[in-house]
Protein backbone atom coordinates (compact mmCIF):
# COMPACT_ATOMS: atom_id res chain seq x y z
CA MET A 1 256.77 -27.22 -165.88
CA PRO A 2 254.15 -28.35 -168.46
CA GLU A 3 250.45 -27.47 -168.26
CA PRO A 4 249.14 -29.31 -165.17
CA ASP A 5 246.36 -31.87 -165.19
CA ARG A 6 244.67 -30.04 -162.31
CA HIS A 7 244.50 -26.42 -161.23
CA VAL A 8 245.14 -25.22 -157.70
CA PRO A 9 241.87 -23.61 -156.51
CA VAL A 10 241.82 -19.94 -155.54
CA ARG A 11 241.45 -21.13 -151.93
CA PRO A 12 242.96 -24.63 -151.73
CA ASP A 13 241.95 -26.89 -148.85
CA LEU A 14 244.82 -28.96 -147.41
CA ALA A 15 242.45 -31.47 -145.80
CA GLN A 16 240.75 -32.05 -149.14
CA LEU A 17 244.12 -32.53 -150.84
CA GLU A 18 245.10 -35.06 -148.17
CA ARG A 19 241.90 -36.97 -148.91
CA GLU A 20 242.68 -36.85 -152.62
CA ALA A 21 246.13 -38.29 -151.94
CA ALA A 22 244.75 -41.07 -149.73
CA ASP A 23 242.19 -41.98 -152.39
CA LEU A 24 244.84 -41.98 -155.12
CA LEU A 25 247.09 -44.23 -153.01
CA GLN A 26 244.27 -46.68 -152.41
CA ARG A 27 243.41 -46.86 -156.11
CA PHE A 28 247.09 -47.10 -157.12
CA ASN A 29 247.71 -49.99 -154.75
CA ALA A 30 244.57 -51.67 -156.08
CA ASP A 31 246.20 -51.48 -159.54
CA GLU A 32 243.43 -49.27 -160.94
CA GLU A 33 244.57 -48.29 -164.43
CA ALA A 34 243.75 -44.57 -164.23
CA ALA A 35 245.49 -44.17 -160.86
CA VAL A 36 248.56 -46.13 -162.01
CA ASN A 37 248.84 -44.00 -165.15
CA GLU A 38 248.53 -40.80 -163.13
CA VAL A 39 251.25 -41.74 -160.65
CA PHE A 40 253.53 -42.97 -163.43
CA LYS A 41 253.02 -39.71 -165.31
CA HIS A 42 253.92 -37.41 -162.43
CA HIS A 43 256.37 -39.32 -160.23
CA PRO A 44 260.05 -39.35 -161.30
CA ASP A 45 260.50 -42.99 -160.23
CA LEU A 46 258.79 -46.13 -161.45
CA ILE A 47 256.80 -47.31 -158.41
CA PRO A 48 255.42 -50.86 -158.48
CA PRO A 49 251.60 -50.80 -158.23
CA GLY A 50 250.47 -52.27 -154.94
CA LYS A 51 253.57 -51.00 -153.12
CA GLY A 52 253.03 -47.26 -153.19
CA ARG A 53 253.58 -45.06 -150.14
CA ILE A 54 251.64 -41.95 -149.20
CA ASP A 55 254.71 -39.70 -149.63
CA GLN A 56 255.21 -40.97 -153.19
CA VAL A 57 251.59 -40.44 -154.14
CA ARG A 58 251.54 -36.99 -152.56
CA LEU A 59 254.51 -35.97 -154.73
CA ALA A 60 252.74 -37.21 -157.85
CA LEU A 61 249.54 -35.40 -156.84
CA ALA A 62 251.39 -32.13 -156.18
CA ARG A 63 253.05 -32.31 -159.60
CA SER A 64 249.69 -32.99 -161.23
CA TYR A 65 248.71 -29.56 -159.85
CA GLY A 66 251.83 -27.98 -161.34
CA VAL A 67 253.57 -27.69 -157.93
CA ALA A 68 257.11 -28.94 -157.37
CA ASP A 69 256.39 -31.09 -154.32
CA TRP A 70 253.85 -31.81 -151.58
CA GLU A 71 255.56 -29.65 -148.97
CA ARG A 72 255.29 -26.58 -151.23
CA LEU A 73 251.64 -27.33 -151.97
CA ALA A 74 250.87 -27.67 -148.26
CA LEU A 75 252.67 -24.39 -147.54
CA ALA A 76 250.59 -22.67 -150.22
CA CYS A 77 247.43 -23.92 -148.52
CA ARG A 78 248.53 -22.59 -145.12
CA LEU A 79 249.67 -19.25 -146.56
CA ILE A 80 246.45 -18.68 -148.49
CA ASP A 81 244.34 -19.69 -145.51
CA ALA A 82 246.15 -17.13 -143.36
CA ILE A 83 245.57 -14.40 -145.97
CA TRP A 84 241.86 -15.21 -146.14
CA ARG A 85 241.68 -15.09 -142.33
CA ASP A 86 243.56 -11.75 -142.40
CA ASP A 87 246.16 -13.23 -140.03
CA ALA A 88 249.12 -10.96 -140.75
CA GLU A 89 251.33 -12.54 -138.10
CA ALA A 90 250.87 -16.03 -139.50
CA VAL A 91 251.74 -14.74 -142.97
CA ARG A 92 254.79 -12.92 -141.56
CA ALA A 93 256.05 -16.08 -139.85
CA MET A 94 255.83 -18.12 -143.07
CA VAL A 95 257.54 -15.44 -145.16
CA GLU A 96 260.33 -14.92 -142.63
CA ALA A 97 260.92 -18.68 -142.57
CA ARG A 98 261.01 -18.74 -146.40
CA PRO A 99 261.79 -15.25 -147.81
CA ALA A 100 261.43 -16.49 -151.40
CA LEU A 101 257.69 -16.69 -150.73
CA LEU A 102 257.51 -12.92 -151.25
CA HIS A 103 258.16 -13.35 -154.95
CA GLU A 104 256.58 -16.74 -155.68
CA ASN A 105 252.98 -17.23 -156.70
CA ALA A 106 250.91 -17.73 -153.57
CA ARG A 107 249.34 -20.83 -155.13
CA ALA A 108 252.83 -22.27 -155.78
CA THR A 109 252.28 -22.73 -159.50
CA GLU A 110 252.91 -20.50 -162.49
CA HIS A 111 249.51 -21.45 -163.90
CA CYS A 112 247.48 -18.86 -161.97
CA ASN A 113 246.99 -15.12 -162.04
CA TRP A 114 246.37 -14.04 -158.45
CA GLY A 115 250.09 -13.49 -158.05
CA PRO A 116 252.53 -13.48 -155.12
CA PRO A 117 251.26 -13.08 -151.54
CA MET A 118 250.96 -9.28 -151.68
CA SER A 119 248.98 -9.39 -154.94
CA TYR A 120 246.91 -12.27 -153.59
CA ALA A 121 246.09 -10.17 -150.51
CA ALA A 122 245.15 -7.26 -152.80
CA ASN A 123 242.46 -9.42 -154.41
CA LEU A 124 240.85 -9.72 -150.98
CA GLY A 125 241.49 -6.19 -149.69
CA ARG A 126 243.79 -7.38 -146.87
CA ASP A 127 245.49 -4.02 -146.33
CA ALA A 128 247.43 -4.86 -143.18
CA ILE A 129 248.98 -7.90 -144.86
CA ILE A 130 249.85 -5.83 -147.93
CA LYS A 131 251.64 -3.20 -145.82
CA MET A 132 253.51 -5.87 -143.87
CA LEU A 133 254.64 -7.74 -147.00
CA HIS A 134 255.71 -4.52 -148.68
CA GLY A 135 257.76 -3.73 -145.61
CA LEU A 136 259.43 -7.13 -145.90
CA GLY A 137 260.43 -6.39 -149.49
CA ALA A 138 257.56 -7.47 -151.74
CA LYS A 139 257.97 -5.83 -155.15
CA ASP A 140 254.73 -6.66 -156.97
CA LEU A 141 253.01 -3.30 -156.40
CA GLN A 142 251.85 -2.91 -159.99
CA HIS A 143 250.33 -6.39 -160.15
CA ALA A 144 248.72 -5.86 -156.75
CA LEU A 145 247.16 -2.60 -157.97
CA ASP A 146 245.90 -4.35 -161.08
CA ARG A 147 244.33 -7.17 -159.03
CA ALA A 148 242.73 -4.80 -156.50
CA THR A 149 241.20 -2.74 -159.31
CA LEU A 150 239.98 -5.86 -161.11
CA GLN A 151 238.28 -7.09 -157.90
CA SER A 152 236.70 -3.67 -157.08
CA ARG A 153 238.90 -3.30 -153.96
CA ILE A 154 239.09 0.43 -154.53
CA SER A 155 240.30 1.53 -151.08
CA THR A 156 243.06 -1.07 -151.34
CA ALA A 157 243.91 0.15 -154.84
CA ARG A 158 244.17 3.73 -153.57
CA MET A 159 246.51 2.60 -150.80
CA LEU A 160 248.71 0.74 -153.30
CA ARG A 161 248.83 3.82 -155.52
CA GLU A 162 249.97 5.89 -152.54
CA MET A 163 252.65 3.26 -151.89
CA GLY A 164 254.04 3.92 -155.36
CA ALA A 165 252.27 1.40 -157.55
CA PRO A 166 252.49 2.55 -161.20
CA ILE A 167 249.47 2.48 -163.46
CA PRO A 168 249.90 -0.64 -165.61
CA ALA A 169 249.48 -0.44 -169.36
CA GLY A 170 245.96 -1.48 -170.25
CA ALA A 171 244.82 -0.94 -166.67
CA VAL A 172 241.17 -0.81 -167.76
CA MET A 173 241.21 -4.32 -169.19
CA GLY A 174 241.03 -6.15 -165.85
CA PRO A 175 237.87 -4.35 -164.69
CA CYS A 176 236.36 -4.84 -168.15
CA GLU A 177 237.08 -8.57 -167.90
CA THR A 178 235.42 -8.90 -164.49
CA LEU A 179 232.74 -6.26 -165.20
CA SER A 180 233.86 -4.14 -162.28
CA GLY A 181 232.25 -0.73 -162.63
CA PRO A 182 234.09 0.74 -159.62
CA GLY A 183 237.38 -0.71 -160.86
CA LEU A 184 236.93 0.75 -164.35
CA ALA A 185 235.96 4.15 -162.96
CA PHE A 186 239.02 4.12 -160.67
CA ALA A 187 241.43 3.18 -163.47
CA LEU A 188 240.09 6.03 -165.58
CA GLU A 189 240.29 8.37 -162.58
CA LEU A 190 243.99 7.55 -162.32
CA GLY A 191 244.43 8.64 -165.92
CA ALA A 192 244.57 5.22 -167.57
CA PRO A 193 243.48 5.48 -171.21
CA LEU A 194 240.37 3.62 -172.29
CA ALA A 195 242.45 1.19 -174.34
CA ASP A 196 244.38 -2.04 -173.99
CA ALA A 197 248.16 -2.23 -173.52
CA GLN A 198 248.64 -1.92 -177.29
CA GLY A 199 246.51 1.22 -177.49
CA ASP A 200 243.47 -0.43 -179.07
CA ARG A 201 240.54 1.73 -177.98
CA LEU A 202 237.92 -0.85 -179.02
CA ALA A 203 239.45 -3.73 -177.06
CA PRO A 204 237.90 -2.74 -173.68
CA ILE A 205 234.41 -2.47 -175.22
CA GLY A 206 234.69 -5.82 -176.97
CA LEU A 207 235.90 -7.40 -173.74
CA ILE A 208 232.92 -6.04 -171.76
CA LEU A 209 230.55 -7.60 -174.29
CA GLU A 210 232.34 -10.93 -174.79
CA THR A 211 233.86 -11.67 -171.37
CA TYR A 212 233.22 -14.95 -169.59
CA CYS A 213 232.06 -13.01 -166.51
CA ARG A 214 228.35 -12.75 -165.75
CA ASN A 215 227.57 -9.77 -163.55
CA PRO A 216 224.63 -7.84 -164.99
CA LYS A 217 224.89 -4.80 -162.71
CA GLY A 218 228.61 -4.59 -163.30
CA LYS A 219 228.15 -4.85 -167.05
CA HIS A 220 225.54 -2.11 -167.00
CA ALA A 221 227.87 0.14 -165.02
CA CYS A 222 230.85 -0.50 -167.32
CA LEU A 223 228.83 0.26 -170.45
CA GLU A 224 227.47 3.47 -168.95
CA ILE A 225 231.01 4.52 -168.03
CA VAL A 226 232.35 3.94 -171.54
CA ALA A 227 229.33 5.74 -173.00
CA ALA A 228 230.10 8.70 -170.73
CA HIS A 229 233.67 8.63 -172.08
CA GLY A 230 232.46 9.14 -175.62
CA VAL A 231 231.97 5.61 -176.91
CA ALA A 232 228.96 5.57 -179.24
CA LEU A 233 226.92 2.50 -178.32
CA PRO A 234 224.40 1.54 -181.02
CA ASP A 235 220.72 2.16 -180.41
CA THR A 236 219.68 -1.46 -180.89
CA ALA A 237 217.57 -3.91 -178.95
CA ALA A 238 220.57 -6.16 -178.31
CA MET A 239 222.61 -3.28 -176.89
CA ALA A 240 219.67 -2.25 -174.70
CA VAL A 241 219.79 -5.76 -173.18
CA HIS A 242 223.55 -5.58 -172.68
CA ARG A 243 223.05 -2.25 -170.90
CA GLY A 244 220.10 -3.52 -168.86
CA ARG A 245 218.15 -0.50 -170.06
CA GLN A 246 214.41 -1.19 -170.15
CA ASP A 247 213.80 2.40 -171.26
CA LEU A 248 216.01 1.99 -174.33
CA LEU A 249 214.51 -1.41 -175.10
CA GLU A 250 210.99 -0.03 -174.85
CA ALA A 251 211.86 2.79 -177.24
CA VAL A 252 213.25 0.30 -179.77
CA LEU A 253 210.14 -1.88 -179.54
CA GLN A 254 207.85 1.10 -179.96
CA ARG A 255 209.65 1.94 -183.20
CA ASP A 256 209.89 -1.68 -184.31
CA PRO A 257 207.47 -4.10 -182.58
CA GLY A 258 208.80 -6.99 -184.64
CA ALA A 259 212.12 -6.76 -182.79
CA LEU A 260 210.46 -8.56 -179.86
CA ASN A 261 210.82 -11.98 -181.48
CA ARG A 262 213.23 -11.24 -184.34
CA ARG A 263 216.30 -13.47 -184.62
CA LEU A 264 219.59 -11.76 -183.88
CA SER A 265 222.79 -12.52 -185.74
CA HIS A 266 226.14 -12.87 -184.01
CA ARG A 267 227.08 -9.40 -185.27
CA ASP A 268 223.82 -7.92 -183.93
CA ILE A 269 224.79 -9.11 -180.45
CA TYR A 270 228.56 -8.67 -180.67
CA PRO A 271 229.25 -5.77 -183.08
CA LEU A 272 232.61 -5.93 -184.84
CA GLU A 273 232.70 -2.13 -184.85
CA LEU A 274 232.88 -2.26 -181.03
CA GLY A 275 235.89 -4.55 -180.94
CA CYS A 276 234.09 -7.90 -180.86
CA HIS A 277 235.43 -10.88 -182.77
CA GLU A 278 234.13 -12.39 -185.96
CA ASP A 279 235.02 -15.82 -184.54
CA GLU A 280 231.82 -16.67 -182.67
CA SER A 281 233.62 -18.94 -180.20
CA LEU A 282 235.36 -15.90 -178.71
CA ALA A 283 232.04 -14.59 -177.43
CA LEU A 284 232.33 -16.61 -174.25
CA CYS A 285 228.99 -18.21 -173.53
CA GLY A 286 227.51 -21.62 -172.86
CA THR A 287 224.62 -22.02 -175.29
CA SER A 288 225.13 -19.33 -177.89
CA PRO A 289 222.45 -16.63 -178.12
CA ALA A 290 223.45 -15.99 -181.74
CA GLY A 291 220.53 -16.74 -184.06
CA GLY A 292 218.14 -16.44 -181.15
CA THR A 293 215.82 -13.73 -179.88
CA LEU A 294 216.15 -11.09 -177.19
CA LEU A 295 214.97 -13.74 -174.74
CA HIS A 296 217.86 -16.03 -175.70
CA LEU A 297 220.22 -13.10 -175.08
CA CYS A 298 218.63 -12.36 -171.70
CA VAL A 299 219.23 -15.96 -170.62
CA ASP A 300 222.91 -15.79 -171.59
CA ASP A 301 223.42 -12.34 -170.01
CA ASP A 302 221.51 -13.40 -166.84
CA GLU A 303 219.04 -10.54 -167.33
CA ILE A 304 216.03 -12.11 -165.60
CA ASP A 305 214.18 -8.85 -164.94
CA LEU A 306 214.35 -7.86 -168.60
CA ALA A 307 213.26 -11.39 -169.52
CA ARG A 308 210.14 -11.06 -167.34
CA TRP A 309 209.39 -7.70 -168.96
CA LEU A 310 209.79 -9.16 -172.46
CA ILE A 311 207.58 -12.16 -171.68
CA GLU A 312 204.87 -9.84 -170.35
CA ARG A 313 204.96 -8.09 -173.73
CA GLY A 314 204.65 -11.28 -175.73
CA ALA A 315 208.17 -12.65 -176.15
CA ASP A 316 207.90 -16.27 -177.26
CA VAL A 317 209.50 -18.60 -174.70
CA ASN A 318 209.57 -21.33 -177.38
CA ALA A 319 211.12 -19.20 -180.13
CA ARG A 320 213.66 -21.30 -181.98
CA ALA A 321 217.00 -19.91 -183.10
CA THR A 322 217.85 -19.94 -186.76
CA VAL A 323 219.28 -23.14 -188.22
CA ASP A 324 222.53 -22.77 -190.14
CA ALA A 325 223.45 -24.30 -193.48
CA ASP A 326 224.85 -27.40 -191.74
CA GLY A 327 221.61 -28.02 -189.83
CA PHE A 328 222.73 -26.74 -186.41
CA GLY A 329 220.69 -24.32 -184.31
CA GLY A 330 216.99 -24.20 -183.63
CA HIS A 331 217.37 -24.09 -179.84
CA THR A 332 214.87 -22.36 -177.56
CA PRO A 333 215.82 -20.09 -174.63
CA LEU A 334 215.51 -23.05 -172.23
CA PHE A 335 218.62 -24.65 -173.78
CA GLY A 336 220.58 -21.61 -172.58
CA CYS A 337 219.57 -22.34 -169.00
CA VAL A 338 221.10 -25.82 -169.28
CA VAL A 339 224.58 -25.27 -170.76
CA SER A 340 225.30 -21.98 -169.12
CA GLN A 341 228.20 -19.56 -168.68
CA ALA A 342 226.21 -17.97 -165.86
CA TRP A 343 226.18 -21.30 -163.99
CA ARG A 344 229.94 -21.64 -164.48
CA CYS A 345 230.33 -18.18 -162.94
CA GLY A 346 228.31 -19.19 -159.88
CA ARG A 347 225.01 -17.63 -160.95
CA GLN A 348 221.52 -19.04 -161.69
CA ARG A 349 222.02 -21.57 -158.89
CA ASP A 350 218.37 -21.45 -157.85
CA GLY A 351 217.04 -22.29 -161.31
CA ALA A 352 214.81 -19.20 -161.25
CA PHE A 353 215.46 -18.38 -164.91
CA ALA A 354 214.46 -21.86 -166.06
CA ARG A 355 211.43 -21.75 -163.76
CA LEU A 356 210.36 -18.45 -165.33
CA LEU A 357 210.45 -20.02 -168.79
CA LEU A 358 208.74 -23.23 -167.68
CA ASP A 359 205.99 -21.33 -165.88
CA HIS A 360 205.26 -19.54 -169.15
CA GLY A 361 205.04 -22.71 -171.21
CA ALA A 362 208.59 -23.55 -172.24
CA ASP A 363 208.55 -26.87 -174.08
CA THR A 364 210.96 -29.40 -172.57
CA LYS A 365 210.52 -31.82 -175.51
CA VAL A 366 211.95 -29.62 -178.28
CA VAL A 367 214.62 -31.56 -180.18
CA THR A 368 217.34 -29.99 -182.30
CA SER A 369 221.02 -30.35 -183.22
CA LEU A 370 223.72 -28.15 -181.75
CA ARG A 371 227.46 -27.78 -181.87
CA LYS A 372 229.79 -26.02 -179.50
CA ARG A 373 233.43 -25.03 -179.25
CA LEU A 374 234.57 -23.83 -175.84
CA ARG A 375 237.59 -21.53 -175.58
CA PHE A 376 240.38 -21.15 -173.02
CA VAL A 377 239.84 -24.69 -171.76
CA LYS A 378 241.81 -27.89 -172.33
CA ASP A 379 239.44 -29.18 -175.01
CA GLU A 380 238.89 -26.44 -177.60
CA THR A 381 237.65 -28.78 -180.32
CA MET A 382 234.23 -28.47 -181.89
CA HIS A 383 231.66 -30.94 -180.55
CA GLU A 384 228.42 -31.85 -182.32
CA TYR A 385 225.21 -33.01 -180.65
CA ARG A 386 222.49 -34.47 -182.84
CA ASP A 387 218.83 -34.60 -181.85
CA VAL A 388 219.05 -33.24 -178.32
CA SER A 389 216.31 -31.92 -176.06
CA PRO A 390 217.20 -29.42 -173.31
CA ARG A 391 217.78 -32.34 -170.92
CA THR A 392 219.88 -34.48 -173.27
CA TRP A 393 221.85 -31.37 -174.31
CA GLY A 394 222.99 -31.20 -170.69
CA GLU A 395 223.48 -34.95 -170.28
CA ARG A 396 225.67 -35.27 -173.36
CA PHE A 397 227.61 -32.00 -173.15
CA HIS A 398 231.32 -32.72 -173.16
CA ASP A 399 232.26 -30.51 -170.20
CA GLN A 400 229.89 -30.96 -167.28
CA ASP A 401 231.26 -27.89 -165.48
CA TRP A 402 229.05 -25.86 -167.82
CA VAL A 403 225.84 -27.78 -167.13
CA ASN A 404 223.40 -26.22 -164.66
CA GLN A 405 222.71 -29.12 -162.33
CA THR A 406 219.78 -27.35 -160.69
CA VAL A 407 218.03 -27.07 -164.05
CA MET A 408 218.91 -30.67 -164.90
CA LYS A 409 217.08 -31.82 -161.76
CA MET A 410 214.09 -29.70 -162.77
CA LEU A 411 214.05 -31.37 -166.19
CA ALA A 412 214.60 -34.93 -164.95
């Protein structure tokens, strides 16, 4: 099945999907162009607009999610709901009625990574459901172990190991992706090498630094773990921010006071010698901190305590990033609060970071030109934005999922 137009949520809501279908039917029967095109794209038959039925539209909607039919999508919703509620008997009844469920993705589509029901339950630490499904013949022990480790479900991971789950190649990569300190420590405890599946010993470090995840405490823990395993982390101001280490940052600034407001290159922030990529778009962020100051980096890393400390010592809240040869750059830290990877990860919802900058004089009227290429999304093309302020940067950004709506209200 081709890449779907929509993605089944981690916890799909059947009632919400039913409302989506009813809305699509209404718009299709009103001959709304977008709705007609959607139904035509995903339904195998040519249905005359104005004469659609709910069952036909539900089939088209299910296929837009990458699911074979509505009945399978509804079953996925009920199964996942039962796993979240830790209702082992409800899960058992569904699996016994449809044994193939044991080996199918719980979300009923191949375009997801939480896996079959046992692996899905491992993400949530639902041990009783895991034992029951294993007893019924579930075979995805290795994937379940990988998911439990990635999600810091360490007691569940230990149980899966005792059940015979092998250590997957590159077992450390999942915890590095999600910045799970406990998961990384557990994988190493099991004897997993600090390397990816191909044996690249720098890949885990690069992933910790460039991952889409924003979890400052987890990142600090992961970097301390790799340092304890012999990885030489550079003694730089940027690395001190990544590690959340005020003591290291203070030592750098005592040696070099100018580092407080010095502009940092992409390689300063994401060292190639630690497995990071030369392609700047692979450092997964919203507004890039490259070319900015330590304060820009704090915004992107969601390091608000370090940001306060830096501001108290004279960090310029209106410091502008360097402008490249094509005229792009020049953004202040406030831009990073607007188009934000942290927001996309569910952080900075209260706008406290933007408020910190505004309370210390951040200028909302700064105008500059920026460009941005997102990765691992449908639209990976480069977009250019000329003459934008922090507010218009958010208004015009091509993917609104990345725009911190709390900050936008503050700037309105």
